[in-house]
Amino acid sequence: MRSNLLVTYLLLCTALASGPARALDKVNPYICPTAVNGSGLDCYLEAVPQTYTMCRQIKSIEILEFGMDGAQEGVNGAKTESCIDKHKLSMVRPYQAALRESTHNKHMVESLRKLNDLWLDSMAKLLPTPGEADEGYKQRVASPYAAFEEQIKAIRAMADAPAQPAAKPAPKAKKSSL
């Protein structure tokens, strides 16, 4: 009976210890080359600009093939739409892993959510607007990289900062016995 409990305990400890690593087991290595060696946070921060670039390049090919005005006509924009949908799904595991690893820091969680919102908004804006000039489009779709980089640097700084000790509760005032 004791040996069964010991084996169960060891299996449980092993499963819990490998939790964060398992969260990245099924992550596509093209969006997160460091998934094997890195943390969920590292994976997510690497995947944000990587996935945006993939879909941006696909849209660029569609524009070259069909022109600015024809890139969204009919089924011409299907590859970009498919890329966006695919990466919204592929980013779920790294994003959740990054959030789990950051639960100790409320500001980091807020920054991760802000970065995710920025990424989703940028992906949606990959489509050219009607009548948009080629040069204007290129500048507009290149601009999210600076915002990504700024947000990623801020998150990394929070992650690298030493943990703040919990504040000690204020001592209770002694009641006078008058």
N, C-alpha and C. Protein backbone atom coordinates (compact mmCIF):
# COMPACT_ATOMS: atom_id res chain seq x y z
N MET A 1 0.82 -1.18 0.00
CA MET A 1 0.00 0.00 0.00
C MET A 1 0.87 1.26 0.00
N ARG A 2 1.91 1.25 0.84
CA ARG A 2 2.80 2.41 0.90
C ARG A 2 3.53 2.61 -0.42
N SER A 3 3.93 1.52 -1.05
CA SER A 3 4.66 1.65 -2.32
C SER A 3 3.75 2.22 -3.41
N ASN A 4 2.47 1.87 -3.38
CA ASN A 4 1.52 2.45 -4.34
C ASN A 4 1.37 3.95 -4.13
N LEU A 5 1.30 4.36 -2.89
CA LEU A 5 1.20 5.79 -2.59
C LEU A 5 2.46 6.53 -3.03
N LEU A 6 3.60 5.93 -2.80
CA LEU A 6 4.87 6.54 -3.19
C LEU A 6 4.93 6.68 -4.72
N VAL A 7 4.56 5.65 -5.44
CA VAL A 7 4.58 5.69 -6.90
C VAL A 7 3.60 6.76 -7.40
N THR A 8 2.42 6.80 -6.82
CA THR A 8 1.43 7.79 -7.21
C THR A 8 1.95 9.21 -6.94
N TYR A 9 2.56 9.40 -5.80
CA TYR A 9 3.12 10.69 -5.45
C TYR A 9 4.21 11.11 -6.44
N LEU A 10 5.10 10.19 -6.78
CA LEU A 10 6.18 10.49 -7.72
C LEU A 10 5.62 10.83 -9.11
N LEU A 11 4.62 10.08 -9.56
CA LEU A 11 4.02 10.37 -10.86
C LEU A 11 3.35 11.74 -10.86
N LEU A 12 2.67 12.06 -9.78
CA LEU A 12 2.01 13.35 -9.67
C LEU A 12 3.04 14.49 -9.68
N CYS A 13 4.11 14.33 -8.94
CA CYS A 13 5.16 15.36 -8.91
C CYS A 13 5.79 15.54 -10.28
N THR A 14 6.03 14.45 -10.98
CA THR A 14 6.61 14.51 -12.32
C THR A 14 5.67 15.23 -13.28
N ALA A 15 4.39 14.91 -13.20
CA ALA A 15 3.40 15.54 -14.08
C ALA A 15 3.30 17.03 -13.80
N LEU A 16 3.29 17.42 -12.55
CA LEU A 16 3.20 18.84 -12.20
C LEU A 16 4.46 19.59 -12.57
N ALA A 17 5.60 18.96 -12.41
CA ALA A 17 6.86 19.63 -12.72
C ALA A 17 7.01 19.87 -14.22
N SER A 18 6.42 19.01 -15.05
CA SER A 18 6.58 19.17 -16.49
C SER A 18 5.42 19.92 -17.11
N GLY A 19 4.56 20.53 -16.32
CA GLY A 19 3.38 21.24 -16.83
C GLY A 19 3.69 22.33 -17.84
N PRO A 20 4.50 23.33 -17.52
CA PRO A 20 4.75 24.40 -18.46
C PRO A 20 5.40 23.92 -19.75
N ALA A 21 6.31 22.96 -19.66
CA ALA A 21 6.96 22.44 -20.87
C ALA A 21 5.95 21.75 -21.76
N ARG A 22 5.01 21.02 -21.17
CA ARG A 22 4.00 20.32 -21.94
C ARG A 22 3.08 21.30 -22.66
N ALA A 23 2.89 22.47 -22.14
CA ALA A 23 2.02 23.45 -22.77
C ALA A 23 2.55 23.84 -24.15
N LEU A 24 3.84 23.70 -24.38
CA LEU A 24 4.44 24.09 -25.66
C LEU A 24 4.77 22.90 -26.55
N ASP A 25 4.41 21.69 -26.14
CA ASP A 25 4.74 20.51 -26.93
C ASP A 25 4.21 20.58 -28.35
N LYS A 26 3.02 21.09 -28.55
CA LYS A 26 2.38 21.08 -29.86
C LYS A 26 2.49 22.41 -30.59
N VAL A 27 3.38 23.26 -30.15
CA VAL A 27 3.57 24.55 -30.80
C VAL A 27 4.39 24.34 -32.07
N ASN A 28 3.93 24.97 -33.14
CA ASN A 28 4.60 24.88 -34.43
C ASN A 28 6.00 25.49 -34.33
N PRO A 29 7.04 24.73 -34.68
CA PRO A 29 8.41 25.28 -34.56
C PRO A 29 8.68 26.47 -35.47
N TYR A 30 7.86 26.68 -36.49
CA TYR A 30 8.07 27.83 -37.37
C TYR A 30 7.68 29.14 -36.71
N ILE A 31 6.72 29.08 -35.78
CA ILE A 31 6.34 30.34 -35.11
C ILE A 31 7.14 30.54 -33.84
N CYS A 32 7.73 29.47 -33.34
CA CYS A 32 8.42 29.56 -32.06
C CYS A 32 9.62 28.61 -32.04
N PRO A 33 10.70 28.98 -32.70
CA PRO A 33 11.86 28.08 -32.74
C PRO A 33 12.47 27.77 -31.38
N THR A 34 12.22 28.60 -30.36
CA THR A 34 12.79 28.35 -29.04
C THR A 34 11.85 27.56 -28.13
N ALA A 35 10.77 27.02 -28.68
CA ALA A 35 9.79 26.31 -27.85
C ALA A 35 10.42 25.17 -27.08
N VAL A 36 11.40 24.52 -27.66
CA VAL A 36 12.03 23.39 -27.00
C VAL A 36 12.84 23.84 -25.79
N ASN A 37 13.57 24.94 -25.93
CA ASN A 37 14.47 25.39 -24.87
C ASN A 37 13.95 26.57 -24.07
N GLY A 38 12.99 27.29 -24.60
CA GLY A 38 12.56 28.51 -23.93
C GLY A 38 11.31 28.32 -23.09
N SER A 39 10.91 29.40 -22.48
CA SER A 39 9.70 29.41 -21.67
C SER A 39 8.50 29.76 -22.55
N GLY A 40 7.32 29.66 -21.98
CA GLY A 40 6.12 30.07 -22.70
C GLY A 40 6.17 31.55 -23.04
N LEU A 41 6.70 32.34 -22.12
CA LEU A 41 6.82 33.78 -22.35
C LEU A 41 7.77 34.05 -23.52
N ASP A 42 8.93 33.39 -23.52
CA ASP A 42 9.89 33.57 -24.62
C ASP A 42 9.27 33.18 -25.95
N CYS A 43 8.55 32.07 -25.95
CA CYS A 43 7.90 31.59 -27.17
C CYS A 43 6.90 32.61 -27.68
N TYR A 44 6.05 33.09 -26.80
CA TYR A 44 5.02 34.04 -27.21
C TYR A 44 5.63 35.33 -27.75
N LEU A 45 6.62 35.85 -27.04
CA LEU A 45 7.23 37.11 -27.46
C LEU A 45 7.95 36.96 -28.80
N GLU A 46 8.45 35.78 -29.07
CA GLU A 46 9.09 35.53 -30.36
C GLU A 46 8.05 35.34 -31.46
N ALA A 47 6.93 34.74 -31.12
CA ALA A 47 5.91 34.39 -32.11
C ALA A 47 5.11 35.60 -32.60
N VAL A 48 4.97 36.63 -31.80
CA VAL A 48 4.16 37.79 -32.21
C VAL A 48 4.69 38.40 -33.50
N PRO A 49 5.93 38.89 -33.57
CA PRO A 49 6.39 39.45 -34.85
C PRO A 49 6.56 38.39 -35.94
N GLN A 50 6.88 37.16 -35.54
CA GLN A 50 7.09 36.09 -36.52
C GLN A 50 5.80 35.78 -37.28
N THR A 51 4.69 35.62 -36.58
CA THR A 51 3.43 35.30 -37.24
C THR A 51 2.90 36.49 -38.05
N TYR A 52 3.12 37.69 -37.53
CA TYR A 52 2.71 38.88 -38.28
C TYR A 52 3.48 38.94 -39.61
N THR A 53 4.76 38.66 -39.56
CA THR A 53 5.59 38.68 -40.77
C THR A 53 5.11 37.64 -41.78
N MET A 54 4.78 36.45 -41.30
CA MET A 54 4.31 35.40 -42.22
C MET A 54 3.08 35.86 -42.99
N CYS A 55 2.09 36.38 -42.28
CA CYS A 55 0.86 36.80 -42.94
C CYS A 55 1.09 38.06 -43.79
N ARG A 56 1.98 38.92 -43.36
CA ARG A 56 2.30 40.11 -44.14
C ARG A 56 2.95 39.72 -45.48
N GLN A 57 3.82 38.73 -45.45
CA GLN A 57 4.45 38.29 -46.69
C GLN A 57 3.44 37.64 -47.64
N ILE A 58 2.51 36.90 -47.09
CA ILE A 58 1.47 36.29 -47.94
C ILE A 58 0.64 37.38 -48.60
N LYS A 59 0.27 38.41 -47.83
CA LYS A 59 -0.51 39.53 -48.40
C LYS A 59 0.31 40.24 -49.46
N SER A 60 1.61 40.39 -49.25
CA SER A 60 2.48 41.03 -50.25
C SER A 60 2.48 40.25 -51.55
N ILE A 61 2.50 38.94 -51.46
CA ILE A 61 2.45 38.10 -52.66
C ILE A 61 1.12 38.27 -53.39
N GLU A 62 0.02 38.32 -52.63
CA GLU A 62 -1.29 38.54 -53.25
C GLU A 62 -1.34 39.89 -53.95
N ILE A 63 -0.74 40.91 -53.34
CA ILE A 63 -0.73 42.24 -53.96
C ILE A 63 0.11 42.22 -55.23
N LEU A 64 1.25 41.54 -55.21
CA LEU A 64 2.07 41.42 -56.42
C LEU A 64 1.31 40.68 -57.52
N GLU A 65 0.59 39.67 -57.14
CA GLU A 65 -0.11 38.83 -58.10
C GLU A 65 -1.36 39.52 -58.68
N PHE A 66 -2.13 40.20 -57.84
CA PHE A 66 -3.43 40.73 -58.27
C PHE A 66 -3.51 42.25 -58.25
N GLY A 67 -2.49 42.93 -57.74
CA GLY A 67 -2.52 44.39 -57.62
C GLY A 67 -3.21 44.81 -56.34
N MET A 68 -3.04 46.08 -55.97
CA MET A 68 -3.61 46.58 -54.71
C MET A 68 -5.13 46.45 -54.70
N ASP A 69 -5.77 46.84 -55.80
CA ASP A 69 -7.23 46.81 -55.82
C ASP A 69 -7.78 45.40 -55.96
N GLY A 70 -7.06 44.53 -56.64
CA GLY A 70 -7.56 43.17 -56.87
C GLY A 70 -7.18 42.17 -55.80
N ALA A 71 -6.38 42.57 -54.83
CA ALA A 71 -5.88 41.64 -53.82
C ALA A 71 -6.96 41.11 -52.90
N GLN A 72 -8.09 41.80 -52.83
CA GLN A 72 -9.18 41.34 -51.96
C GLN A 72 -10.44 40.96 -52.74
N GLU A 73 -10.39 41.06 -54.05
CA GLU A 73 -11.56 40.72 -54.87
C GLU A 73 -11.77 39.22 -54.90
N GLY A 74 -13.01 38.82 -54.79
CA GLY A 74 -13.35 37.40 -54.88
C GLY A 74 -12.59 36.59 -53.84
N VAL A 75 -11.90 35.57 -54.33
CA VAL A 75 -11.14 34.70 -53.43
C VAL A 75 -9.65 35.07 -53.38
N ASN A 76 -9.28 36.20 -53.96
CA ASN A 76 -7.87 36.58 -54.03
C ASN A 76 -7.23 36.78 -52.66
N GLY A 77 -7.99 37.17 -51.67
CA GLY A 77 -7.44 37.40 -50.33
C GLY A 77 -7.56 36.19 -49.42
N ALA A 78 -7.97 35.05 -49.97
CA ALA A 78 -8.22 33.86 -49.14
C ALA A 78 -6.97 33.36 -48.42
N LYS A 79 -5.82 33.46 -49.06
CA LYS A 79 -4.59 32.97 -48.42
C LYS A 79 -4.25 33.80 -47.17
N THR A 80 -4.39 35.11 -47.28
CA THR A 80 -4.12 35.96 -46.12
C THR A 80 -5.12 35.69 -45.01
N GLU A 81 -6.41 35.60 -45.37
CA GLU A 81 -7.44 35.33 -44.37
C GLU A 81 -7.18 33.98 -43.69
N SER A 82 -6.76 33.01 -44.49
CA SER A 82 -6.44 31.69 -43.93
C SER A 82 -5.23 31.77 -43.00
N CYS A 83 -4.23 32.54 -43.37
CA CYS A 83 -3.04 32.72 -42.55
C CYS A 83 -3.40 33.36 -41.21
N ILE A 84 -4.23 34.38 -41.27
CA ILE A 84 -4.63 35.07 -40.04
C ILE A 84 -5.40 34.13 -39.14
N ASP A 85 -6.35 33.40 -39.70
CA ASP A 85 -7.13 32.45 -38.90
C ASP A 85 -6.25 31.36 -38.31
N LYS A 86 -5.32 30.85 -39.13
CA LYS A 86 -4.41 29.79 -38.68
C LYS A 86 -3.57 30.27 -37.49
N HIS A 87 -3.03 31.47 -37.59
CA HIS A 87 -2.14 31.94 -36.54
C HIS A 87 -2.88 32.42 -35.29
N LYS A 88 -4.13 32.82 -35.45
CA LYS A 88 -4.93 33.10 -34.26
C LYS A 88 -5.04 31.83 -33.43
N LEU A 89 -5.19 30.70 -34.10
CA LEU A 89 -5.26 29.42 -33.40
C LEU A 89 -3.89 28.96 -32.89
N SER A 90 -2.87 29.14 -33.71
CA SER A 90 -1.54 28.65 -33.32
C SER A 90 -0.94 29.45 -32.17
N MET A 91 -1.43 30.65 -31.93
CA MET A 91 -0.90 31.49 -30.86
C MET A 91 -1.56 31.23 -29.51
N VAL A 92 -2.62 30.44 -29.49
CA VAL A 92 -3.35 30.22 -28.24
C VAL A 92 -2.46 29.60 -27.18
N ARG A 93 -1.76 28.52 -27.50
CA ARG A 93 -0.91 27.84 -26.50
C ARG A 93 0.23 28.73 -25.99
N PRO A 94 1.00 29.36 -26.87
CA PRO A 94 2.06 30.23 -26.34
C PRO A 94 1.51 31.39 -25.50
N TYR A 95 0.39 31.96 -25.92
CA TYR A 95 -0.21 33.07 -25.17
C TYR A 95 -0.67 32.61 -23.80
N GLN A 96 -1.35 31.49 -23.74
CA GLN A 96 -1.80 30.96 -22.45
C GLN A 96 -0.63 30.60 -21.55
N ALA A 97 0.42 30.01 -22.13
CA ALA A 97 1.60 29.66 -21.34
C ALA A 97 2.27 30.92 -20.79
N ALA A 98 2.35 31.97 -21.61
CA ALA A 98 2.95 33.23 -21.15
C ALA A 98 2.13 33.84 -20.02
N LEU A 99 0.80 33.80 -20.15
CA LEU A 99 -0.06 34.33 -19.09
C LEU A 99 0.11 33.54 -17.80
N ARG A 100 0.16 32.21 -17.92
CA ARG A 100 0.33 31.36 -16.73
C ARG A 100 1.65 31.67 -16.03
N GLU A 101 2.71 31.84 -16.79
CA GLU A 101 4.02 32.11 -16.20
C GLU A 101 4.09 33.51 -15.58
N SER A 102 3.18 34.37 -15.97
CA SER A 102 3.24 35.77 -15.51
C SER A 102 2.20 36.10 -14.46
N THR A 103 1.48 35.12 -13.96
CA THR A 103 0.40 35.40 -13.01
C THR A 103 0.88 36.10 -11.75
N HIS A 104 2.15 35.98 -11.43
CA HIS A 104 2.70 36.63 -10.23
C HIS A 104 2.84 38.14 -10.39
N ASN A 105 2.72 38.65 -11.63
CA ASN A 105 2.94 40.06 -11.90
C ASN A 105 1.75 40.63 -12.69
N LYS A 106 0.89 41.34 -12.01
CA LYS A 106 -0.33 41.89 -12.62
C LYS A 106 0.00 42.79 -13.81
N HIS A 107 1.04 43.60 -13.68
CA HIS A 107 1.40 44.52 -14.76
C HIS A 107 1.89 43.77 -15.99
N MET A 108 2.59 42.67 -15.78
CA MET A 108 3.06 41.88 -16.91
C MET A 108 1.89 41.22 -17.63
N VAL A 109 0.93 40.72 -16.87
CA VAL A 109 -0.26 40.13 -17.48
C VAL A 109 -1.00 41.18 -18.31
N GLU A 110 -1.15 42.38 -17.77
CA GLU A 110 -1.80 43.47 -18.51
C GLU A 110 -1.02 43.81 -19.77
N SER A 111 0.31 43.81 -19.69
CA SER A 111 1.14 44.11 -20.86
C SER A 111 1.03 43.00 -21.91
N LEU A 112 0.95 41.76 -21.46
CA LEU A 112 0.77 40.65 -22.41
C LEU A 112 -0.58 40.77 -23.12
N ARG A 113 -1.59 41.13 -22.39
CA ARG A 113 -2.92 41.31 -23.00
C ARG A 113 -2.90 42.47 -23.99
N LYS A 114 -2.21 43.54 -23.63
CA LYS A 114 -2.10 44.69 -24.53
C LYS A 114 -1.36 44.30 -25.81
N LEU A 115 -0.29 43.53 -25.66
CA LEU A 115 0.46 43.06 -26.83
C LEU A 115 -0.41 42.16 -27.70
N ASN A 116 -1.17 41.28 -27.08
CA ASN A 116 -2.04 40.40 -27.86
C ASN A 116 -3.09 41.20 -28.62
N ASP A 117 -3.67 42.20 -27.98
CA ASP A 117 -4.66 43.05 -28.65
C ASP A 117 -4.02 43.80 -29.82
N LEU A 118 -2.81 44.30 -29.62
CA LEU A 118 -2.08 45.00 -30.68
C LEU A 118 -1.81 44.05 -31.85
N TRP A 119 -1.40 42.83 -31.54
CA TRP A 119 -1.13 41.83 -32.58
C TRP A 119 -2.40 41.51 -33.37
N LEU A 120 -3.50 41.26 -32.67
CA LEU A 120 -4.77 40.95 -33.35
C LEU A 120 -5.21 42.11 -34.23
N ASP A 121 -5.10 43.33 -33.73
CA ASP A 121 -5.47 44.52 -34.49
C ASP A 121 -4.59 44.67 -35.72
N SER A 122 -3.30 44.43 -35.57
CA SER A 122 -2.36 44.55 -36.69
C SER A 122 -2.63 43.49 -37.75
N MET A 123 -2.96 42.30 -37.30
CA MET A 123 -3.28 41.23 -38.27
C MET A 123 -4.53 41.60 -39.07
N ALA A 124 -5.53 42.16 -38.41
CA ALA A 124 -6.76 42.55 -39.09
C ALA A 124 -6.51 43.69 -40.09
N LYS A 125 -5.53 44.53 -39.81
CA LYS A 125 -5.24 45.67 -40.68
C LYS A 125 -4.26 45.35 -41.80
N LEU A 126 -3.95 44.08 -42.00
CA LEU A 126 -3.08 43.71 -43.12
C LEU A 126 -3.76 43.91 -44.47
N LEU A 127 -5.07 43.94 -44.48
CA LEU A 127 -5.81 44.09 -45.72
C LEU A 127 -5.73 45.54 -46.19
N PRO A 128 -5.43 45.76 -47.47
CA PRO A 128 -5.37 47.14 -47.97
C PRO A 128 -6.76 47.77 -48.00
N THR A 129 -6.82 49.06 -47.73
CA THR A 129 -8.09 49.77 -47.80
C THR A 129 -8.33 50.19 -49.24
N PRO A 130 -9.58 50.31 -49.66
CA PRO A 130 -9.87 50.70 -51.04
C PRO A 130 -9.20 52.03 -51.41
N GLY A 131 -8.52 52.03 -52.54
CA GLY A 131 -7.85 53.23 -53.02
C GLY A 131 -6.54 53.58 -52.34
N GLU A 132 -6.06 52.71 -51.46
CA GLU A 132 -4.81 52.99 -50.74
C GLU A 132 -3.62 52.88 -51.70
N ALA A 133 -2.71 53.83 -51.59
CA ALA A 133 -1.50 53.82 -52.42
C ALA A 133 -0.54 52.74 -51.93
N ASP A 134 0.24 52.21 -52.85
CA ASP A 134 1.17 51.13 -52.54
C ASP A 134 2.17 51.54 -51.46
N GLU A 135 2.74 52.72 -51.59
CA GLU A 135 3.75 53.18 -50.61
C GLU A 135 3.12 53.39 -49.23
N GLY A 136 1.92 53.97 -49.21
CA GLY A 136 1.21 54.16 -47.95
C GLY A 136 0.89 52.83 -47.27
N TYR A 137 0.50 51.85 -48.07
CA TYR A 137 0.20 50.52 -47.52
C TYR A 137 1.45 49.90 -46.91
N LYS A 138 2.55 49.98 -47.63
CA LYS A 138 3.81 49.39 -47.15
C LYS A 138 4.24 50.03 -45.83
N GLN A 139 4.13 51.33 -45.72
CA GLN A 139 4.48 52.01 -44.48
C GLN A 139 3.55 51.61 -43.34
N ARG A 140 2.25 51.52 -43.65
CA ARG A 140 1.27 51.17 -42.62
C ARG A 140 1.48 49.77 -42.07
N VAL A 141 1.77 48.80 -42.93
CA VAL A 141 1.93 47.42 -42.44
C VAL A 141 3.31 47.18 -41.83
N ALA A 142 4.24 48.10 -42.04
CA ALA A 142 5.56 47.98 -41.40
C ALA A 142 5.56 48.62 -40.01
N SER A 143 4.62 49.52 -39.75
CA SER A 143 4.63 50.26 -38.48
C SER A 143 4.38 49.41 -37.23
N PRO A 144 3.62 48.31 -37.26
CA PRO A 144 3.42 47.54 -36.02
C PRO A 144 4.70 46.98 -35.41
N TYR A 145 5.74 46.78 -36.20
CA TYR A 145 6.97 46.21 -35.67
C TYR A 145 7.56 47.05 -34.53
N ALA A 146 7.52 48.37 -34.69
CA ALA A 146 8.05 49.25 -33.64
C ALA A 146 7.21 49.11 -32.37
N ALA A 147 5.89 49.05 -32.53
CA ALA A 147 5.01 48.90 -31.37
C ALA A 147 5.21 47.53 -30.72
N PHE A 148 5.37 46.49 -31.54
CA PHE A 148 5.65 45.15 -31.00
C PHE A 148 6.93 45.18 -30.18
N GLU A 149 7.97 45.75 -30.76
CA GLU A 149 9.28 45.77 -30.11
C GLU A 149 9.24 46.54 -28.79
N GLU A 150 8.55 47.66 -28.79
CA GLU A 150 8.44 48.46 -27.57
C GLU A 150 7.73 47.68 -26.47
N GLN A 151 6.63 47.04 -26.82
CA GLN A 151 5.86 46.28 -25.83
C GLN A 151 6.65 45.05 -25.35
N ILE A 152 7.33 44.39 -26.27
CA ILE A 152 8.12 43.20 -25.92
C ILE A 152 9.27 43.58 -24.98
N LYS A 153 9.94 44.70 -25.26
CA LYS A 153 11.02 45.15 -24.38
C LYS A 153 10.50 45.42 -22.97
N ALA A 154 9.33 46.06 -22.88
CA ALA A 154 8.75 46.36 -21.57
C ALA A 154 8.41 45.07 -20.81
N ILE A 155 7.89 44.10 -21.52
CA ILE A 155 7.53 42.81 -20.89
C ILE A 155 8.79 42.09 -20.43
N ARG A 156 9.81 42.08 -21.28
CA ARG A 156 11.07 41.42 -20.90
C ARG A 156 11.71 42.11 -19.68
N ALA A 157 11.61 43.42 -19.62
CA ALA A 157 12.17 44.14 -18.47
C ALA A 157 11.43 43.75 -17.20
N MET A 158 10.13 43.61 -17.28
CA MET A 158 9.35 43.17 -16.10
C MET A 158 9.72 41.75 -15.71
N ALA A 159 9.93 40.89 -16.72
CA ALA A 159 10.26 39.50 -16.45
C ALA A 159 11.65 39.37 -15.83
N ASP A 160 12.57 40.25 -16.24
CA ASP A 160 13.95 40.19 -15.74
C ASP A 160 14.13 40.89 -14.39
N ALA A 161 13.17 41.72 -14.02
CA ALA A 161 13.28 42.46 -12.76
C ALA A 161 13.16 41.50 -11.59
N PRO A 162 13.91 41.76 -10.52
CA PRO A 162 13.81 40.88 -9.35
C PRO A 162 12.40 40.98 -8.75
N ALA A 163 11.95 39.89 -8.22
CA ALA A 163 10.62 39.85 -7.63
C ALA A 163 10.57 40.78 -6.43
N GLN A 164 9.51 41.52 -6.35
CA GLN A 164 9.32 42.44 -5.22
C GLN A 164 8.80 41.64 -4.03
N PRO A 165 9.38 41.82 -2.86
CA PRO A 165 8.86 41.10 -1.70
C PRO A 165 7.46 41.60 -1.36
N ALA A 166 6.67 40.70 -0.84
CA ALA A 166 5.30 41.07 -0.46
C ALA A 166 5.37 42.09 0.67
N ALA A 167 4.48 43.04 0.61
CA ALA A 167 4.45 44.07 1.66
C ALA A 167 3.98 43.45 2.96
N LYS A 168 4.64 43.84 4.03
CA LYS A 168 4.26 43.32 5.34
C LYS A 168 3.00 44.06 5.80
N PRO A 169 2.08 43.34 6.39
CA PRO A 169 0.88 44.03 6.89
C PRO A 169 1.25 44.98 8.03
N ALA A 170 0.51 46.05 8.11
CA ALA A 170 0.76 47.04 9.16
C ALA A 170 0.45 46.41 10.52
N PRO A 171 1.28 46.70 11.52
CA PRO A 171 1.01 46.12 12.84
C PRO A 171 -0.30 46.66 13.39
N LYS A 172 -0.99 45.81 14.09
CA LYS A 172 -2.27 46.20 14.67
C LYS A 172 -2.01 47.15 15.85
N ALA A 173 -2.84 48.13 15.94
CA ALA A 173 -2.70 49.08 17.04
C ALA A 173 -3.15 48.38 18.34
N LYS A 174 -2.38 48.59 19.37
CA LYS A 174 -2.71 47.98 20.66
C LYS A 174 -3.83 48.79 21.31
N LYS A 175 -4.77 48.08 21.84
CA LYS A 175 -5.86 48.73 22.56
C LYS A 175 -5.40 49.03 23.98
N SER A 176 -5.67 50.22 24.40
CA SER A 176 -5.30 50.55 25.79
C SER A 176 -6.38 50.00 26.72
N SER A 177 -5.95 49.55 27.84
CA SER A 177 -6.87 48.93 28.79
C SER A 177 -7.25 49.91 29.89
N LEU A 178 -7.83 50.97 29.51
CA LEU A 178 -8.26 51.98 30.48
C LEU A 178 -9.60 51.71 30.99
